[in-house]
Amino acid sequence: MLPFAPEGYSFVLVPALAGIFAWVFGYHALALVFVVVMLGCIAFFRDPRRTSDAPPDVVVAPADGKVLSVGSAPAPLAGRGLSQQISIFMSPANVHVNRAPIAGTVREARTQAGRKLPAFRDKASDLNEHSFVVIEGDLGTVAYKQIAGAVARRVVCDLTIGQSVRRGERVGLIKFGSRVDLFLPADAVIEVAPGQRTRAGITGVARLAFGTTR
């Protein structure tokens, strides 16, 4: 059976029931439309199992998708020692379950309401609904943002402050198209480039330097 994110149950159940009623009352074409919608939601909320045997200094991608940009982080984050940023764009066809980029302890976890600008726009990071999470690990600290897009309706962050997470562990999802920004220390070595595809919990996107300041 295809692993499935529980957040998607209602999105599958509603078109399934609507399709049954449409079929019973003779609206067969409409019933088929609901079936297609149901199958699309099942595909969207798939939650494949992921593991990585990469060395402990490797930071894995927090999201499936395509690297949108690699560059400098905003000044407030740079001031906290997280001066590098990798942005990953998630299309509706991608798996939308997000995973912890490193193992460690959650030092900050908050969600902020906002707008629904296209996720690829720079301003979306601050203006759209988003979560912000900081994880402190043995080799350093990283942070990430789950950013809702024009189609995405909600960010789901499963973490709480003080919680321990494993690298690659499921940490939430974003519903229907979105973006994840990953923030890294200055001495982290970036190993991806714009246009590259990533798989959450598997693709190594950077390496932390031993002795990184926390």
Protein backbone atom coordinates (compact mmCIF):
# COMPACT_ATOMS: atom_id res chain seq x y z
CA MET A 1 0.00 0.00 0.00
CA LEU A 2 1.27 3.47 -0.87
CA PRO A 3 2.37 5.30 2.33
CA PHE A 4 -0.04 8.19 2.82
CA ALA A 5 0.11 11.39 4.89
CA PRO A 6 -2.82 11.51 7.35
CA GLU A 7 -3.32 15.22 6.62
CA GLY A 8 -4.74 14.16 3.25
CA TYR A 9 -7.60 11.97 4.48
CA SER A 10 -10.28 14.65 4.19
CA PHE A 11 -9.04 15.72 0.75
CA VAL A 12 -9.49 12.14 -0.47
CA LEU A 13 -12.71 11.31 1.39
CA VAL A 14 -14.74 14.30 0.14
CA PRO A 15 -14.32 13.67 -3.64
CA ALA A 16 -14.69 9.92 -3.03
CA LEU A 17 -18.09 10.39 -1.37
CA ALA A 18 -19.12 12.98 -3.93
CA GLY A 19 -18.22 10.55 -6.71
CA ILE A 20 -20.29 7.78 -5.15
CA PHE A 21 -23.35 10.02 -4.84
CA ALA A 22 -22.91 11.36 -8.37
CA TRP A 23 -22.73 7.81 -9.74
CA VAL A 24 -25.77 6.60 -7.74
CA PHE A 25 -27.88 9.51 -9.03
CA GLY A 26 -26.85 8.94 -12.63
CA TYR A 27 -24.24 11.70 -13.08
CA HIS A 28 -21.59 9.33 -14.38
CA ALA A 29 -19.39 11.92 -16.10
CA LEU A 30 -19.32 14.04 -12.95
CA ALA A 31 -18.54 10.94 -10.90
CA LEU A 32 -15.48 10.28 -13.05
CA VAL A 33 -14.32 13.86 -12.46
CA PHE A 34 -14.51 13.29 -8.71
CA VAL A 35 -12.59 10.03 -9.09
CA VAL A 36 -9.81 11.86 -10.94
CA VAL A 37 -9.70 14.50 -8.18
CA MET A 38 -9.54 11.76 -5.55
CA LEU A 39 -6.67 9.99 -7.31
CA GLY A 40 -4.83 13.31 -7.66
CA CYS A 41 -5.12 13.92 -3.92
CA ILE A 42 -3.89 10.40 -3.15
CA ALA A 43 -0.84 11.07 -5.33
CA PHE A 44 -0.26 14.49 -3.77
CA PHE A 45 -0.35 13.25 -0.18
CA ARG A 46 1.88 10.23 -0.76
CA ASP A 47 4.45 9.80 2.01
CA PRO A 48 7.24 7.46 0.84
CA ARG A 49 9.64 6.07 3.40
CA ARG A 50 13.08 7.65 3.18
CA THR A 51 16.44 6.79 4.72
CA SER A 52 19.98 8.07 4.17
CA ASP A 53 23.31 6.46 5.01
CA ALA A 54 25.28 9.66 4.28
CA PRO A 55 28.00 10.74 6.77
CA PRO A 56 26.77 12.78 9.78
CA ASP A 57 28.17 16.06 8.41
CA VAL A 58 25.86 15.90 5.36
CA VAL A 59 22.78 18.15 5.36
CA VAL A 60 19.96 16.49 3.44
CA ALA A 61 17.27 18.26 1.44
CA PRO A 62 14.21 19.14 3.52
CA ALA A 63 11.95 18.93 0.46
CA ASP A 64 11.40 17.20 -2.86
CA GLY A 65 11.60 19.58 -5.79
CA LYS A 66 14.01 21.73 -7.77
CA VAL A 67 16.69 24.03 -6.38
CA LEU A 68 15.41 27.51 -7.16
CA SER A 69 18.41 29.47 -5.92
CA VAL A 70 21.62 29.27 -3.88
CA GLY A 71 22.95 32.44 -2.31
CA SER A 72 23.08 34.74 0.68
CA ALA A 73 20.50 34.59 3.45
CA PRO A 74 18.59 37.70 4.62
CA ALA A 75 20.49 39.97 7.01
CA PRO A 76 18.58 38.93 10.17
CA LEU A 77 19.57 35.30 9.63
CA ALA A 78 23.11 36.17 8.59
CA GLY A 79 23.37 38.00 11.91
CA ARG A 80 22.54 34.74 13.65
CA GLY A 81 25.35 32.90 11.86
CA LEU A 82 23.16 31.46 9.10
CA SER A 83 24.42 33.41 6.10
CA GLN A 84 23.79 30.91 3.28
CA GLN A 85 20.43 30.00 1.75
CA ILE A 86 19.17 27.23 -0.51
CA SER A 87 15.62 27.58 -1.85
CA ILE A 88 13.76 24.49 -3.12
CA PHE A 89 10.58 24.90 -5.17
CA MET A 90 7.94 22.18 -4.85
CA SER A 91 5.47 21.77 -7.71
CA PRO A 92 2.05 20.13 -7.12
CA ALA A 93 3.52 16.93 -8.62
CA ASN A 94 6.21 16.61 -5.94
CA VAL A 95 5.94 14.75 -2.64
CA HIS A 96 5.06 17.50 -0.17
CA VAL A 97 6.14 15.84 3.07
CA ASN A 98 9.13 17.72 4.53
CA ARG A 99 12.02 16.13 6.41
CA ALA A 100 14.62 17.26 8.97
CA PRO A 101 17.85 18.36 7.23
CA ILE A 102 20.03 17.35 10.21
CA ALA A 103 19.71 15.48 13.48
CA GLY A 104 19.47 17.60 16.59
CA THR A 105 17.26 19.52 18.99
CA VAL A 106 14.56 21.98 17.91
CA ARG A 107 15.48 25.38 19.38
CA GLU A 108 12.79 27.41 17.62
CA ALA A 109 9.52 26.46 15.89
CA ARG A 110 6.82 28.92 14.92
CA THR A 111 4.20 29.42 12.23
CA GLN A 112 3.07 32.78 10.87
CA ALA A 113 -0.05 33.54 8.82
CA GLY A 114 0.35 35.48 5.60
CA ARG A 115 -0.44 35.98 1.93
CA LYS A 116 -0.54 33.55 -1.01
CA LEU A 117 2.03 34.99 -3.41
CA PRO A 118 3.65 32.60 -5.93
CA ALA A 119 6.26 30.64 -3.95
CA PHE A 120 9.08 31.39 -6.41
CA ARG A 121 8.93 35.14 -5.68
CA ASP A 122 11.55 36.49 -3.26
CA LYS A 123 8.98 38.29 -1.10
CA ALA A 124 7.03 35.07 -0.55
CA SER A 125 9.54 34.03 2.13
CA ASP A 126 8.44 36.87 4.42
CA LEU A 127 4.91 37.73 3.25
CA ASN A 128 3.36 34.30 2.72
CA GLU A 129 2.17 31.95 5.42
CA HIS A 130 5.25 30.13 6.65
CA SER A 131 6.85 28.19 9.46
CA PHE A 132 10.36 28.82 10.77
CA VAL A 133 12.36 26.09 12.49
CA VAL A 134 15.87 26.11 13.99
CA ILE A 135 17.61 22.78 14.66
CA GLU A 136 20.82 22.60 16.69
CA GLY A 137 22.95 19.56 15.94
CA ASP A 138 26.30 18.21 17.08
CA LEU A 139 28.13 19.84 14.15
CA GLY A 140 26.23 23.10 13.99
CA THR A 141 22.87 24.79 13.63
CA VAL A 142 20.63 25.07 10.57
CA ALA A 143 17.19 26.56 10.01
CA TYR A 144 14.47 26.23 7.42
CA LYS A 145 11.21 27.85 6.35
CA GLN A 146 8.17 26.07 4.96
CA ILE A 147 6.53 28.64 2.68
CA ALA A 148 2.99 28.38 1.33
CA GLY A 149 2.50 29.37 -2.32
CA ALA A 150 -0.30 30.66 -4.53
CA VAL A 151 -1.97 27.25 -4.59
CA ALA A 152 -0.89 26.01 -1.16
CA ARG A 153 -3.48 26.63 1.51
CA ARG A 154 -1.69 25.61 4.67
CA VAL A 155 1.70 24.94 6.19
CA VAL A 156 1.86 22.02 8.64
CA CYS A 157 4.79 21.99 11.09
CA ASP A 158 4.89 18.97 13.40
CA LEU A 159 7.78 20.14 15.60
CA THR A 160 7.87 21.74 19.04
CA ILE A 161 10.68 23.50 20.89
CA GLY A 162 12.94 21.08 22.75
CA GLN A 163 12.03 18.11 20.59
CA SER A 164 14.79 15.82 19.30
CA VAL A 165 14.70 14.91 15.62
CA ARG A 166 16.60 12.47 13.45
CA ARG A 167 18.02 13.51 10.11
CA GLY A 168 15.43 12.69 7.45
CA GLU A 169 12.60 12.40 9.97
CA ARG A 170 9.19 13.63 8.82
CA VAL A 171 8.65 17.16 10.18
CA GLY A 172 5.49 18.35 8.39
CA LEU A 173 4.19 19.21 4.95
CA ILE A 174 2.80 22.03 2.82
CA LYS A 175 -0.51 21.51 1.05
CA PHE A 176 -0.57 22.02 -2.74
CA GLY A 177 2.55 23.66 -4.20
CA SER A 178 5.13 25.59 -2.21
CA ARG A 179 8.77 26.22 -1.31
CA VAL A 180 11.28 25.46 1.44
CA ASP A 181 14.21 27.74 2.27
CA LEU A 182 17.18 26.17 4.05
CA PHE A 183 19.62 28.40 5.99
CA LEU A 184 23.19 27.28 6.66
CA PRO A 185 26.34 28.55 8.43
CA ALA A 186 28.93 30.51 6.43
CA ASP A 187 31.43 27.66 6.47
CA ALA A 188 28.99 25.01 5.25
CA VAL A 189 29.95 23.67 1.82
CA ILE A 190 27.02 23.86 -0.61
CA GLU A 191 26.81 20.82 -2.89
CA VAL A 192 23.83 21.68 -5.11
CA ALA A 193 23.18 24.26 -7.82
CA PRO A 194 20.06 25.97 -9.22
CA GLY A 195 18.04 23.62 -11.39
CA GLN A 196 19.10 20.46 -9.57
CA ARG A 197 16.39 18.07 -8.39
CA THR A 198 16.22 17.02 -4.74
CA ARG A 199 14.57 14.28 -2.72
CA ALA A 200 13.71 15.06 0.89
CA GLY A 201 15.76 13.10 3.39
CA ILE A 202 18.05 11.64 0.72
CA THR A 203 19.76 14.27 -1.45
CA GLY A 204 22.81 15.79 0.21
CA VAL A 205 22.69 19.55 -0.32
CA ALA A 206 25.59 20.68 1.90
CA ARG A 207 28.26 19.61 4.38
CA LEU A 208 28.77 21.16 7.79
CA ALA A 209 32.29 21.98 8.85
CA PHE A 210 33.46 20.21 11.98
CA GLY A 211 33.58 22.71 14.80
CA THR A 212 30.94 25.04 13.30
CA THR A 213 30.04 27.73 15.82
CA ARG A 214 26.61 27.35 17.31
